[in-house]
Amino acid sequence: MTTPPDSMRLDKWLWCARFYKSRNLAVEEIGKGRVTVNGQAAKAARELRVGDTVALRQGQVPRTVVVRGLSHFRGPAPVAQQLYEETPESIAARAQAAEARRLAPEPADGLREGRPTKRDRRDMDELRRGWGDRWSASLDD
C-alpha cells in the first residue's frame, strides 16, 4: 500500500475528488478563474496540501471545500468524498440556490400557444405571399 502524498497538483486533486470528469476539464475551469485556493487565483500545477480551502464552481453551483486528504488515484464516489469537507456556508448557499431554482418559474410557461400548428404555418406562408411586391425597395412609377 502506498502512502498518501504530502502535496499534489490542484487539477489532479479536483479530478480525484470527482469535481470534474477529466483533468482537462479541471484545467479549463482553473484557467477561466473559476477555482481559487485559499482565496487566491490558482494555476493547474499549484501544489495543494491538506488543510487548504478550495473555492470552485460546478456549472452554476459554487462550492467551498477544505482539503482533508490527498489520493494518487480516482476512486469511487464514497472514497472521493472523504478527500474534502464542504464548509457549512457553502452547504447553506447550495441549498438556497436549489430552493431558488425550484421556485423559479418554468421557462415554458412564458409560451402562450407553443409551436405553430400546420394550419398556423400555412396561414403565415399565405400572408407572406400576399404581400407581393409592396415591400420592395423600388420606387413606384
Protein backbone atom coordinates (compact mmCIF):
# COMPACT_ATOMS: atom_id res chain seq x y z
CA MET A 1 0.00 0.00 0.00
CA THR A 2 1.36 3.41 -0.93
CA THR A 3 1.43 6.31 1.47
CA PRO A 4 -0.60 9.36 0.58
CA PRO A 5 1.43 12.24 -0.88
CA ASP A 6 2.27 15.38 1.11
CA SER A 7 1.07 17.57 -1.76
CA MET A 8 -0.33 17.16 -5.26
CA ARG A 9 -1.36 19.20 -8.29
CA LEU A 10 -4.64 21.08 -8.00
CA ASP A 11 -6.04 19.78 -11.29
CA LYS A 12 -5.28 16.18 -10.35
CA TRP A 13 -6.89 16.58 -6.92
CA LEU A 14 -10.06 18.10 -8.44
CA TRP A 15 -10.24 15.10 -10.77
CA CYS A 16 -9.54 12.55 -7.98
CA ALA A 17 -12.16 14.18 -5.73
CA ARG A 18 -14.65 13.86 -8.63
CA PHE A 19 -15.46 17.54 -9.03
CA TYR A 20 -14.74 17.26 -12.76
CA LYS A 21 -14.95 14.29 -15.11
CA SER A 22 -11.47 14.77 -16.54
CA ARG A 23 -8.26 16.57 -15.67
CA ASN A 24 -8.64 18.53 -18.88
CA LEU A 25 -11.98 19.95 -17.68
CA ALA A 26 -10.38 20.80 -14.35
CA VAL A 27 -7.54 22.63 -16.14
CA GLU A 28 -10.08 24.59 -18.25
CA GLU A 29 -12.06 25.67 -15.18
CA ILE A 30 -8.88 26.69 -13.37
CA GLY A 31 -7.75 28.64 -16.44
CA LYS A 32 -11.08 30.51 -16.53
CA GLY A 33 -10.50 31.64 -12.94
CA ARG A 34 -13.36 29.59 -11.50
CA VAL A 35 -11.15 27.85 -8.95
CA THR A 36 -9.30 29.58 -6.11
CA VAL A 37 -7.11 28.17 -3.37
CA ASN A 38 -7.06 29.97 -0.02
CA GLY A 39 -8.75 32.97 -1.62
CA GLN A 40 -6.14 33.40 -4.38
CA ALA A 41 -6.34 32.59 -8.07
CA ALA A 42 -4.52 29.37 -8.81
CA LYS A 43 -2.88 27.60 -11.70
CA ALA A 44 -3.40 23.93 -12.54
CA ALA A 45 0.09 22.98 -11.33
CA ARG A 46 -0.42 24.61 -7.92
CA GLU A 47 0.62 22.27 -5.14
CA LEU A 48 -2.32 21.52 -2.88
CA ARG A 49 -1.89 20.41 0.74
CA VAL A 50 -4.21 19.08 3.42
CA GLY A 51 -5.99 21.99 5.11
CA ASP A 52 -6.15 24.24 2.03
CA THR A 53 -9.50 25.82 1.17
CA VAL A 54 -10.65 25.43 -2.42
CA ALA A 55 -13.50 27.51 -3.87
CA LEU A 56 -14.87 26.27 -7.20
CA ARG A 57 -17.92 26.26 -9.42
CA GLN A 58 -19.54 23.14 -10.84
CA GLY A 59 -21.79 24.51 -13.55
CA GLN A 60 -23.81 27.19 -11.78
CA VAL A 61 -23.21 25.74 -8.30
CA PRO A 62 -20.49 27.45 -6.23
CA ARG A 63 -18.79 25.26 -3.62
CA THR A 64 -16.18 25.87 -0.94
CA VAL A 65 -14.36 22.83 0.42
CA VAL A 66 -11.49 22.16 2.79
CA VAL A 67 -8.96 19.57 1.64
CA ARG A 68 -8.97 16.64 4.10
CA GLY A 69 -6.95 14.12 2.11
CA LEU A 70 -4.86 13.52 -1.00
CA SER A 71 -5.00 10.47 -3.21
CA HIS A 72 -2.85 9.05 -6.01
CA PHE A 73 -5.86 7.75 -7.93
CA ARG A 74 -9.51 8.44 -8.72
CA GLY A 75 -11.63 6.08 -6.69
CA PRO A 76 -15.35 5.53 -6.20
CA ALA A 77 -17.53 8.45 -5.12
CA PRO A 78 -17.75 7.49 -1.40
CA VAL A 79 -13.94 7.39 -1.21
CA ALA A 80 -13.63 10.66 -3.16
CA GLN A 81 -15.98 12.39 -0.72
CA GLN A 82 -13.54 11.62 2.10
CA LEU A 83 -10.91 13.80 0.38
CA TYR A 84 -12.76 17.01 1.26
CA GLU A 85 -15.22 18.59 3.67
CA GLU A 86 -17.65 21.20 2.43
CA THR A 87 -17.98 24.31 4.59
CA PRO A 88 -21.33 24.97 6.32
CA GLU A 89 -21.66 28.30 4.47
CA SER A 90 -21.22 26.51 1.15
CA ILE A 91 -23.83 23.89 2.04
CA ALA A 92 -26.31 26.63 3.02
CA ALA A 93 -25.62 28.58 -0.19
CA ARG A 94 -26.14 25.44 -2.31
CA ALA A 95 -29.42 24.68 -0.52
CA GLN A 96 -30.60 28.26 -1.03
CA ALA A 97 -29.68 28.14 -4.74
CA ALA A 98 -31.51 24.82 -5.14
CA GLU A 99 -34.60 26.30 -3.48
CA ALA A 100 -34.44 29.36 -5.76
CA ARG A 101 -34.22 27.07 -8.81
CA ARG A 102 -37.15 25.03 -7.51
CA LEU A 103 -39.30 28.13 -7.03
CA ALA A 104 -38.27 29.78 -10.31
CA PRO A 105 -40.98 29.93 -12.95
CA GLU A 106 -40.99 27.23 -15.59
CA PRO A 107 -39.43 28.66 -18.78
CA ALA A 108 -42.10 27.06 -20.94
CA ASP A 109 -44.86 28.90 -19.02
CA GLY A 110 -43.96 32.08 -20.91
CA LEU A 111 -45.10 30.48 -24.15
CA ARG A 112 -48.80 31.12 -24.57
CA GLU A 113 -49.62 28.96 -27.53
CA GLY A 114 -46.50 26.88 -28.11
CA ARG A 115 -45.24 25.96 -31.55
CA PRO A 116 -47.32 26.93 -34.56
CA THR A 117 -49.54 24.19 -35.92
CA LYS A 118 -49.51 23.11 -39.55
CA ARG A 119 -52.54 25.34 -40.18
CA ASP A 120 -50.77 28.32 -38.49
CA ARG A 121 -47.71 27.78 -40.72
CA ARG A 122 -49.87 27.70 -43.84
CA ASP A 123 -51.60 30.92 -42.77
CA MET A 124 -48.24 32.64 -42.15
CA ASP A 125 -46.92 31.49 -45.53
CA GLU A 126 -50.10 32.78 -47.21
CA LEU A 127 -49.64 36.17 -45.53
CA ARG A 128 -46.06 36.39 -46.77
CA ARG A 129 -47.07 35.54 -50.34
CA GLY A 130 -49.92 38.07 -50.15
CA TRP A 131 -47.51 40.94 -49.57
CA GLY A 132 -46.21 40.59 -53.11
CA ASP A 133 -44.04 43.44 -54.31
CA ARG A 134 -45.49 46.04 -51.91
CA TRP A 135 -42.47 45.83 -49.68
CA SER A 136 -39.78 46.14 -52.33
CA ALA A 137 -37.30 48.97 -52.23
CA SER A 138 -38.11 50.06 -55.79
CA LEU A 139 -40.00 53.28 -56.43
CA ASP A 140 -43.50 53.09 -57.89
CA ASP A 141 -43.92 54.86 -61.22
